[in-house]
Amino acid sequence: GWAMNAAHGLSDVPAHRVVNRIGVLSGKNHFSSPNE
């Protein structure tokens, strides 16, 4: 999760495809907008 939080500036890492174990968008607040 920490790695994914640090990945948001890396355009070649599709961080949006990583979610928590039950499918919740737990990392959504680390994107540039809450809906991204």
PDB file of all heavy atoms in Angstrom:
ATOM      1  N   GLY A   1       0.822  -1.214   0.000  1.00  0.00           N
ATOM      2  CA  GLY A   1       0.000   0.000   0.000  1.00  0.00           C
ATOM      3  C   GLY A   1       0.852   1.257   0.000  1.00  0.00           C
ATOM      4  O   GLY A   1       0.559   2.207  -0.734  1.00  0.00           O
ATOM      5  N   TRP A   2       1.913   1.266   0.769  1.00  0.00           N
ATOM      6  CA  TRP A   2       2.816   2.425   0.785  1.00  0.00           C
ATOM      7  C   TRP A   2       3.454   2.604  -0.583  1.00  0.00           C
ATOM      8  O   TRP A   2       3.600   3.735  -1.065  1.00  0.00           O
ATOM      9  CB  TRP A   2       3.890   2.261   1.854  1.00  0.00           C
ATOM     10  CG  TRP A   2       3.372   2.302   3.255  1.00  0.00           C
ATOM     11  CD1 TRP A   2       2.202   2.870   3.700  1.00  0.00           C
ATOM     12  CD2 TRP A   2       3.993   1.748   4.402  1.00  0.00           C
ATOM     13  NE1 TRP A   2       2.070   2.697   5.043  1.00  0.00           N
ATOM     14  CE2 TRP A   2       3.155   2.008   5.512  1.00  0.00           C
ATOM     15  CE3 TRP A   2       5.175   1.047   4.617  1.00  0.00           C
ATOM     16  CZ2 TRP A   2       3.467   1.609   6.805  1.00  0.00           C
ATOM     17  CZ3 TRP A   2       5.489   0.640   5.908  1.00  0.00           C
ATOM     18  CH2 TRP A   2       4.647   0.919   6.986  1.00  0.00           C
ATOM     19  N   ALA A   3       3.836   1.495  -1.199  1.00  0.00           N
ATOM     20  CA  ALA A   3       4.417   1.574  -2.545  1.00  0.00           C
ATOM     21  C   ALA A   3       3.408   2.160  -3.522  1.00  0.00           C
ATOM     22  O   ALA A   3       3.748   3.004  -4.357  1.00  0.00           O
ATOM     23  CB  ALA A   3       4.878   0.189  -3.008  1.00  0.00           C
ATOM     24  N   MET A   4       2.159   1.726  -3.406  1.00  0.00           N
ATOM     25  CA  MET A   4       1.136   2.241  -4.318  1.00  0.00           C
ATOM     26  C   MET A   4       0.881   3.722  -4.071  1.00  0.00           C
ATOM     27  O   MET A   4       0.689   4.491  -5.014  1.00  0.00           O
ATOM     28  CB  MET A   4      -0.167   1.450  -4.179  1.00  0.00           C
ATOM     29  CG  MET A   4      -0.036  -0.020  -4.535  1.00  0.00           C
ATOM     30  SD  MET A   4       0.925  -0.368  -6.025  1.00  0.00           S
ATOM     31  CE  MET A   4       0.120   0.642  -7.225  1.00  0.00           C
ATOM     32  N   ASN A   5       0.903   4.156  -2.832  1.00  0.00           N
ATOM     33  CA  ASN A   5       0.729   5.573  -2.529  1.00  0.00           C
ATOM     34  C   ASN A   5       1.843   6.402  -3.153  1.00  0.00           C
ATOM     35  O   ASN A   5       1.612   7.528  -3.598  1.00  0.00           O
ATOM     36  CB  ASN A   5       0.688   5.821  -1.023  1.00  0.00           C
ATOM     37  CG  ASN A   5      -0.533   5.228  -0.376  1.00  0.00           C
ATOM     38  OD1 ASN A   5      -1.511   4.893  -1.033  1.00  0.00           O
ATOM     39  ND2 ASN A   5      -0.479   5.074   0.933  1.00  0.00           N
ATOM     40  N   ALA A   6       3.043   5.841  -3.210  1.00  0.00           N
ATOM     41  CA  ALA A   6       4.185   6.544  -3.793  1.00  0.00           C
ATOM     42  C   ALA A   6       4.198   6.467  -5.321  1.00  0.00           C
ATOM     43  O   ALA A   6       4.954   7.170  -5.967  1.00  0.00           O
ATOM     44  CB  ALA A   6       5.481   5.953  -3.235  1.00  0.00           C
ATOM     45  N   ALA A   7       3.338   5.640  -5.897  1.00  0.00           N
ATOM     46  CA  ALA A   7       3.352   5.402  -7.345  1.00  0.00           C
ATOM     47  C   ALA A   7       2.515   6.383  -8.143  1.00  0.00           C
ATOM     48  O   ALA A   7       2.567   6.371  -9.367  1.00  0.00           O
ATOM     49  CB  ALA A   7       2.855   3.986  -7.641  1.00  0.00           C
ATOM     50  N   HIS A   8       1.770   7.224  -7.486  1.00  0.00           N
ATOM     51  CA  HIS A   8       0.806   8.050  -8.214  1.00  0.00           C
ATOM     52  C   HIS A   8       1.445   9.064  -9.149  1.00  0.00           C
ATOM     53  O   HIS A   8       0.783   9.544 -10.052  1.00  0.00           O
ATOM     54  CB  HIS A   8      -0.188   8.694  -7.243  1.00  0.00           C
ATOM     55  CG  HIS A   8      -1.042   7.656  -6.586  1.00  0.00           C
ATOM     56  ND1 HIS A   8      -1.989   6.941  -7.280  1.00  0.00           N
ATOM     57  CD2 HIS A   8      -1.043   7.179  -5.332  1.00  0.00           C
ATOM     58  CE1 HIS A   8      -2.557   6.080  -6.461  1.00  0.00           C
ATOM     59  NE2 HIS A   8      -1.998   6.189  -5.280  1.00  0.00           N
ATOM     60  N   GLY A   9       2.706   9.334  -9.010  1.00  0.00           N
ATOM     61  CA  GLY A   9       3.393  10.205  -9.954  1.00  0.00           C
ATOM     62  C   GLY A   9       4.006   9.439 -11.118  1.00  0.00           C
ATOM     63  O   GLY A   9       4.552  10.028 -12.038  1.00  0.00           O
ATOM     64  N   LEU A  10       3.890   8.132 -11.083  1.00  0.00           N
ATOM     65  CA  LEU A  10       4.487   7.289 -12.125  1.00  0.00           C
ATOM     66  C   LEU A  10       3.403   6.896 -13.127  1.00  0.00           C
ATOM     67  O   LEU A  10       2.542   6.077 -12.837  1.00  0.00           O
ATOM     68  CB  LEU A  10       5.106   6.032 -11.500  1.00  0.00           C
ATOM     69  CG  LEU A  10       6.119   6.268 -10.379  1.00  0.00           C
ATOM     70  CD1 LEU A  10       6.523   4.938  -9.741  1.00  0.00           C
ATOM     71  CD2 LEU A  10       7.337   7.003 -10.911  1.00  0.00           C
ATOM     72  N   SER A  11       3.464   7.452 -14.302  1.00  0.00           N
ATOM     73  CA  SER A  11       2.395   7.242 -15.281  1.00  0.00           C
ATOM     74  C   SER A  11       2.331   5.813 -15.818  1.00  0.00           C
ATOM     75  O   SER A  11       1.290   5.385 -16.317  1.00  0.00           O
ATOM     76  CB  SER A  11       2.550   8.224 -16.443  1.00  0.00           C
ATOM     77  OG  SER A  11       3.787   8.011 -17.101  1.00  0.00           O
ATOM     78  N   ASP A  12       3.414   5.058 -15.708  1.00  0.00           N
ATOM     79  CA  ASP A  12       3.415   3.691 -16.254  1.00  0.00           C
ATOM     80  C   ASP A  12       3.003   2.633 -15.234  1.00  0.00           C
ATOM     81  O   ASP A  12       3.029   1.437 -15.525  1.00  0.00           O
ATOM     82  CB  ASP A  12       4.782   3.359 -16.840  1.00  0.00           C
ATOM     83  CG  ASP A  12       5.901   3.360 -15.810  1.00  0.00           C
ATOM     84  OD1 ASP A  12       5.769   4.068 -14.779  1.00  0.00           O
ATOM     85  OD2 ASP A  12       6.911   2.672 -16.031  1.00  0.00           O
ATOM     86  N   VAL A  13       2.609   3.039 -14.032  1.00  0.00           N
ATOM     87  CA  VAL A  13       2.169   2.101 -12.995  1.00  0.00           C
ATOM     88  C   VAL A  13       0.658   2.284 -12.801  1.00  0.00           C
ATOM     89  O   VAL A  13       0.220   3.294 -12.269  1.00  0.00           O
ATOM     90  CB  VAL A  13       2.915   2.340 -11.663  1.00  0.00           C
ATOM     91  CG1 VAL A  13       2.402   1.382 -10.588  1.00  0.00           C
ATOM     92  CG2 VAL A  13       4.421   2.174 -11.849  1.00  0.00           C
ATOM     93  N   PRO A  14      -0.151   1.308 -13.231  1.00  0.00           N
ATOM     94  CA  PRO A  14      -1.609   1.438 -13.116  1.00  0.00           C
ATOM     95  C   PRO A  14      -2.109   1.182 -11.692  1.00  0.00           C
ATOM     96  O   PRO A  14      -2.752   0.166 -11.397  1.00  0.00           O
ATOM     97  CB  PRO A  14      -2.127   0.402 -14.107  1.00  0.00           C
ATOM     98  CG  PRO A  14      -1.057  -0.652 -14.130  1.00  0.00           C
ATOM     99  CD  PRO A  14       0.235   0.086 -13.925  1.00  0.00           C
ATOM    100  N   ALA A  15      -1.820   2.122 -10.808  1.00  0.00           N
ATOM    101  CA  ALA A  15      -2.145   1.986  -9.382  1.00  0.00           C
ATOM    102  C   ALA A  15      -3.640   1.802  -9.141  1.00  0.00           C
ATOM    103  O   ALA A  15      -4.033   1.218  -8.129  1.00  0.00           O
ATOM    104  CB  ALA A  15      -1.633   3.203  -8.619  1.00  0.00           C
ATOM    105  N   HIS A  16      -4.456   2.266 -10.056  1.00  0.00           N
ATOM    106  CA  HIS A  16      -5.909   2.149  -9.882  1.00  0.00           C
ATOM    107  C   HIS A  16      -6.378   0.699  -9.902  1.00  0.00           C
ATOM    108  O   HIS A  16      -7.482   0.407  -9.463  1.00  0.00           O
ATOM    109  CB  HIS A  16      -6.649   2.953 -10.971  1.00  0.00           C
ATOM    110  CG  HIS A  16      -6.410   2.476 -12.355  1.00  0.00           C
ATOM    111  ND1 HIS A  16      -5.223   2.722 -13.026  1.00  0.00           N
ATOM    112  CD2 HIS A  16      -7.195   1.763 -13.203  1.00  0.00           C
ATOM    113  CE1 HIS A  16      -5.299   2.169 -14.231  1.00  0.00           C
ATOM    114  NE2 HIS A  16      -6.483   1.585 -14.356  1.00  0.00           N
ATOM    115  N   ARG A  17      -5.555  -0.216 -10.363  1.00  0.00           N
ATOM    116  CA  ARG A  17      -5.927  -1.626 -10.445  1.00  0.00           C
ATOM    117  C   ARG A  17      -5.624  -2.405  -9.171  1.00  0.00           C
ATOM    118  O   ARG A  17      -5.802  -3.626  -9.130  1.00  0.00           O
ATOM    119  CB  ARG A  17      -5.214  -2.284 -11.628  1.00  0.00           C
ATOM    120  CG  ARG A  17      -5.622  -1.703 -12.961  1.00  0.00           C
ATOM    121  CD  ARG A  17      -4.946  -2.403 -14.104  1.00  0.00           C
ATOM    122  NE  ARG A  17      -5.211  -1.682 -15.337  1.00  0.00           N
ATOM    123  CZ  ARG A  17      -4.353  -1.604 -16.347  1.00  0.00           C
ATOM    124  NH1 ARG A  17      -3.188  -2.223 -16.277  1.00  0.00           N
ATOM    125  NH2 ARG A  17      -4.672  -0.911 -17.428  1.00  0.00           N
ATOM    126  N   VAL A  18      -5.184  -1.723  -8.117  1.00  0.00           N
ATOM    127  CA  VAL A  18      -4.868  -2.391  -6.852  1.00  0.00           C
ATOM    128  C   VAL A  18      -5.862  -1.911  -5.793  1.00  0.00           C
ATOM    129  O   VAL A  18      -5.971  -0.717  -5.527  1.00  0.00           O
ATOM    130  CB  VAL A  18      -3.416  -2.108  -6.413  1.00  0.00           C
ATOM    131  CG1 VAL A  18      -3.097  -2.888  -5.140  1.00  0.00           C
ATOM    132  CG2 VAL A  18      -2.437  -2.479  -7.525  1.00  0.00           C
ATOM    133  N   VAL A  19      -6.568  -2.868  -5.209  1.00  0.00           N
ATOM    134  CA  VAL A  19      -7.615  -2.582  -4.228  1.00  0.00           C
ATOM    135  C   VAL A  19      -7.376  -3.455  -2.989  1.00  0.00           C
ATOM    136  O   VAL A  19      -6.478  -4.283  -2.980  1.00  0.00           O
ATOM    137  CB  VAL A  19      -9.021  -2.847  -4.828  1.00  0.00           C
ATOM    138  CG1 VAL A  19      -9.290  -1.914  -5.994  1.00  0.00           C
ATOM    139  CG2 VAL A  19      -9.184  -4.298  -5.266  1.00  0.00           C
ATOM    140  N   ASN A  20      -8.221  -3.300  -1.983  1.00  0.00           N
ATOM    141  CA  ASN A  20      -8.024  -4.140  -0.800  1.00  0.00           C
ATOM    142  C   ASN A  20      -8.600  -5.546  -1.044  1.00  0.00           C
ATOM    143  O   ASN A  20      -9.159  -5.823  -2.091  1.00  0.00           O
ATOM    144  CB  ASN A  20      -8.542  -3.471   0.475  1.00  0.00           C
ATOM    145  CG  ASN A  20     -10.037  -3.530   0.641  1.00  0.00           C
ATOM    146  OD1 ASN A  20     -10.769  -4.149  -0.120  1.00  0.00           O
ATOM    147  ND2 ASN A  20     -10.517  -2.868   1.680  1.00  0.00           N
ATOM    148  N   ARG A  21      -8.468  -6.398  -0.064  1.00  0.00           N
ATOM    149  CA  ARG A  21      -8.789  -7.824  -0.242  1.00  0.00           C
ATOM    150  C   ARG A  21     -10.257  -8.123  -0.493  1.00  0.00           C
ATOM    151  O   ARG A  21     -10.598  -9.230  -0.905  1.00  0.00           O
ATOM    152  CB  ARG A  21      -8.285  -8.637   0.949  1.00  0.00           C
ATOM    153  CG  ARG A  21      -8.949  -8.297   2.251  1.00  0.00           C
ATOM    154  CD  ARG A  21      -8.316  -9.060   3.412  1.00  0.00           C
ATOM    155  NE  ARG A  21      -8.854  -8.620   4.666  1.00  0.00           N
ATOM    156  CZ  ARG A  21      -9.979  -9.083   5.197  1.00  0.00           C
ATOM    157  NH1 ARG A  21     -10.668 -10.008   4.567  1.00  0.00           N
ATOM    158  NH2 ARG A  21     -10.404  -8.617   6.352  1.00  0.00           N
ATOM    159  N   ILE A  22     -11.130  -7.154  -0.241  1.00  0.00           N
ATOM    160  CA  ILE A  22     -12.552  -7.379  -0.510  1.00  0.00           C
ATOM    161  C   ILE A  22     -13.068  -6.499  -1.652  1.00  0.00           C
ATOM    162  O   ILE A  22     -14.264  -6.375  -1.856  1.00  0.00           O
ATOM    163  CB  ILE A  22     -13.417  -7.207   0.759  1.00  0.00           C
ATOM    164  CG1 ILE A  22     -13.259  -5.821   1.368  1.00  0.00           C
ATOM    165  CG2 ILE A  22     -13.102  -8.306   1.770  1.00  0.00           C
ATOM    166  CD1 ILE A  22     -14.229  -5.528   2.504  1.00  0.00           C
ATOM    167  N   GLY A  23     -12.127  -5.871  -2.379  1.00  0.00           N
ATOM    168  CA  GLY A  23     -12.512  -5.107  -3.552  1.00  0.00           C
ATOM    169  C   GLY A  23     -12.875  -3.661  -3.309  1.00  0.00           C
ATOM    170  O   GLY A  23     -13.429  -3.004  -4.188  1.00  0.00           O
ATOM    171  N   VAL A  24     -12.528  -3.135  -2.149  1.00  0.00           N
ATOM    172  CA  VAL A  24     -12.826  -1.741  -1.841  1.00  0.00           C
ATOM    173  C   VAL A  24     -11.695  -0.849  -2.371  1.00  0.00           C
ATOM    174  O   VAL A  24     -10.516  -1.203  -2.272  1.00  0.00           O
ATOM    175  CB  VAL A  24     -13.018  -1.537  -0.324  1.00  0.00           C
ATOM    176  CG1 VAL A  24     -13.141  -0.058   0.027  1.00  0.00           C
ATOM    177  CG2 VAL A  24     -14.233  -2.305   0.156  1.00  0.00           C
ATOM    178  N   LEU A  25     -12.065   0.302  -2.919  1.00  0.00           N
ATOM    179  CA  LEU A  25     -11.094   1.258  -3.449  1.00  0.00           C
ATOM    180  C   LEU A  25     -10.434   2.026  -2.302  1.00  0.00           C
ATOM    181  O   LEU A  25     -10.580   3.232  -2.147  1.00  0.00           O
ATOM    182  CB  LEU A  25     -11.780   2.237  -4.408  1.00  0.00           C
ATOM    183  CG  LEU A  25     -12.670   1.669  -5.503  1.00  0.00           C
ATOM    184  CD1 LEU A  25     -13.124   2.775  -6.440  1.00  0.00           C
ATOM    185  CD2 LEU A  25     -12.000   0.554  -6.262  1.00  0.00           C
ATOM    186  N   SER A  26      -9.678   1.317  -1.506  1.00  0.00           N
ATOM    187  CA  SER A  26      -9.102   1.889  -0.288  1.00  0.00           C
ATOM    188  C   SER A  26      -8.031   2.932  -0.579  1.00  0.00           C
ATOM    189  O   SER A  26      -7.733   3.758   0.283  1.00  0.00           O
ATOM    190  CB  SER A  26      -8.547   0.787   0.612  1.00  0.00           C
ATOM    191  OG  SER A  26      -7.644  -0.020  -0.110  1.00  0.00           O
ATOM    192  N   GLY A  27      -7.467   2.938  -1.768  1.00  0.00           N
ATOM    193  CA  GLY A  27      -6.433   3.909  -2.100  1.00  0.00           C
ATOM    194  C   GLY A  27      -6.938   5.122  -2.852  1.00  0.00           C
ATOM    195  O   GLY A  27      -6.156   5.950  -3.295  1.00  0.00           O
ATOM    196  N   LYS A  28      -8.245   5.270  -2.977  1.00  0.00           N
ATOM    197  CA  LYS A  28      -8.809   6.326  -3.822  1.00  0.00           C
ATOM    198  C   LYS A  28      -8.429   7.734  -3.396  1.00  0.00           C
ATOM    199  O   LYS A  28      -8.340   8.628  -4.229  1.00  0.00           O
ATOM    200  CB  LYS A  28     -10.323   6.190  -3.910  1.00  0.00           C
ATOM    201  CG  LYS A  28     -11.075   6.647  -2.691  1.00  0.00           C
ATOM    202  CD  LYS A  28     -12.558   6.577  -2.922  1.00  0.00           C
ATOM    203  CE  LYS A  28     -13.270   7.501  -1.958  1.00  0.00           C
ATOM    204  NZ  LYS A  28     -14.600   7.819  -2.389  1.00  0.00           N
ATOM    205  N   ASN A  29      -8.179   7.946  -2.128  1.00  0.00           N
ATOM    206  CA  ASN A  29      -7.838   9.289  -1.654  1.00  0.00           C
ATOM    207  C   ASN A  29      -6.427   9.725  -2.012  1.00  0.00           C
ATOM    208  O   ASN A  29      -6.058  10.871  -1.796  1.00  0.00           O
ATOM    209  CB  ASN A  29      -8.060   9.390  -0.145  1.00  0.00           C
ATOM    210  CG  ASN A  29      -9.521   9.280   0.209  1.00  0.00           C
ATOM    211  OD1 ASN A  29     -10.378   9.759  -0.522  1.00  0.00           O
ATOM    212  ND2 ASN A  29      -9.817   8.624   1.314  1.00  0.00           N
ATOM    213  N   HIS A  30      -5.639   8.818  -2.572  1.00  0.00           N
ATOM    214  CA  HIS A  30      -4.278   9.147  -2.962  1.00  0.00           C
ATOM    215  C   HIS A  30      -4.185   9.563  -4.429  1.00  0.00           C
ATOM    216  O   HIS A  30      -3.103   9.859  -4.925  1.00  0.00           O
ATOM    217  CB  HIS A  30      -3.345   7.974  -2.662  1.00  0.00           C
ATOM    218  CG  HIS A  30      -3.291   7.667  -1.203  1.00  0.00           C
ATOM    219  ND1 HIS A  30      -2.549   8.412  -0.311  1.00  0.00           N
ATOM    220  CD2 HIS A  30      -3.912   6.721  -0.466  1.00  0.00           C
ATOM    221  CE1 HIS A  30      -2.701   7.936   0.906  1.00  0.00           C
ATOM    222  NE2 HIS A  30      -3.527   6.902   0.838  1.00  0.00           N
ATOM    223  N   PHE A  31      -5.316   9.577  -5.118  1.00  0.00           N
ATOM    224  CA  PHE A  31      -5.350  10.044  -6.503  1.00  0.00           C
ATOM    225  C   PHE A  31      -5.621  11.545  -6.510  1.00  0.00           C
ATOM    226  O   PHE A  31      -5.993  12.130  -5.494  1.00  0.00           O
ATOM    227  CB  PHE A  31      -6.427   9.277  -7.292  1.00  0.00           C
ATOM    228  CG  PHE A  31      -6.022   7.876  -7.623  1.00  0.00           C
ATOM    229  CD1 PHE A  31      -6.169   6.861  -6.692  1.00  0.00           C
ATOM    230  CD2 PHE A  31      -5.481   7.568  -8.861  1.00  0.00           C
ATOM    231  CE1 PHE A  31      -5.780   5.565  -6.980  1.00  0.00           C
ATOM    232  CE2 PHE A  31      -5.092   6.281  -9.168  1.00  0.00           C
ATOM    233  CZ  PHE A  31      -5.242   5.266  -8.223  1.00  0.00           C
ATOM    234  N   SER A  32      -5.472  12.173  -7.667  1.00  0.00           N
ATOM    235  CA  SER A  32      -5.609  13.630  -7.744  1.00  0.00           C
ATOM    236  C   SER A  32      -7.023  14.116  -7.453  1.00  0.00           C
ATOM    237  O   SER A  32      -7.213  15.263  -7.069  1.00  0.00           O
ATOM    238  CB  SER A  32      -5.138  14.144  -9.101  1.00  0.00           C
ATOM    239  OG  SER A  32      -5.887  13.555 -10.138  1.00  0.00           O
ATOM    240  N   SER A  33      -8.012  13.256  -7.648  1.00  0.00           N
ATOM    241  CA  SER A  33      -9.383  13.594  -7.251  1.00  0.00           C
ATOM    242  C   SER A  33     -10.007  12.348  -6.632  1.00  0.00           C
ATOM    243  O   SER A  33      -9.594  11.229  -6.947  1.00  0.00           O
ATOM    244  CB  SER A  33     -10.207  14.070  -8.446  1.00  0.00           C
ATOM    245  OG  SER A  33     -10.619  12.977  -9.243  1.00  0.00           O
ATOM    246  N   PRO A  34     -11.019  12.501  -5.768  1.00  0.00           N
ATOM    247  CA  PRO A  34     -11.619  11.349  -5.095  1.00  0.00           C
ATOM    248  C   PRO A  34     -12.287  10.350  -6.039  1.00  0.00           C
ATOM    249  O   PRO A  34     -12.452   9.191  -5.684  1.00  0.00           O
ATOM    250  CB  PRO A  34     -12.668  11.968  -4.160  1.00  0.00           C
ATOM    251  CG  PRO A  34     -12.342  13.405  -4.072  1.00  0.00           C
ATOM    252  CD  PRO A  34     -11.574  13.766  -5.300  1.00  0.00           C
ATOM    253  N   ASN A  35     -12.627  10.783  -7.240  1.00  0.00           N
ATOM    254  CA  ASN A  35     -13.307   9.888  -8.192  1.00  0.00           C
ATOM    255  C   ASN A  35     -12.386   9.304  -9.256  1.00  0.00           C
ATOM    256  O   ASN A  35     -12.821   8.467 -10.047  1.00  0.00           O
ATOM    257  CB  ASN A  35     -14.451  10.643  -8.877  1.00  0.00           C
ATOM    258  CG  ASN A  35     -15.497  11.076  -7.887  1.00  0.00           C
ATOM    259  OD1 ASN A  35     -15.830  10.352  -6.957  1.00  0.00           O
ATOM    260  ND2 ASN A  35     -16.012  12.281  -8.067  1.00  0.00           N
ATOM    261  N   GLU A  36     -11.142   9.723  -9.290  1.00  0.00           N
ATOM    262  CA  GLU A  36     -10.247   9.301 -10.364  1.00  0.00           C
ATOM    263  C   GLU A  36     -10.051   7.786 -10.426  1.00  0.00           C
ATOM    264  O   GLU A  36     -10.084   7.192 -11.502  1.00  0.00           O
ATOM    265  CB  GLU A  36      -8.887   9.987 -10.250  1.00  0.00           C
ATOM    266  CG  GLU A  36      -7.958   9.606 -11.388  1.00  0.00           C
ATOM    267  CD  GLU A  36      -6.587  10.259 -11.298  1.00  0.00           C
ATOM    268  OE1 GLU A  36      -6.347  11.113 -10.424  1.00  0.00           O
ATOM    269  OE2 GLU A  36      -5.744   9.881 -12.120  1.00  0.00           O
TER     270      GLU A  36
END
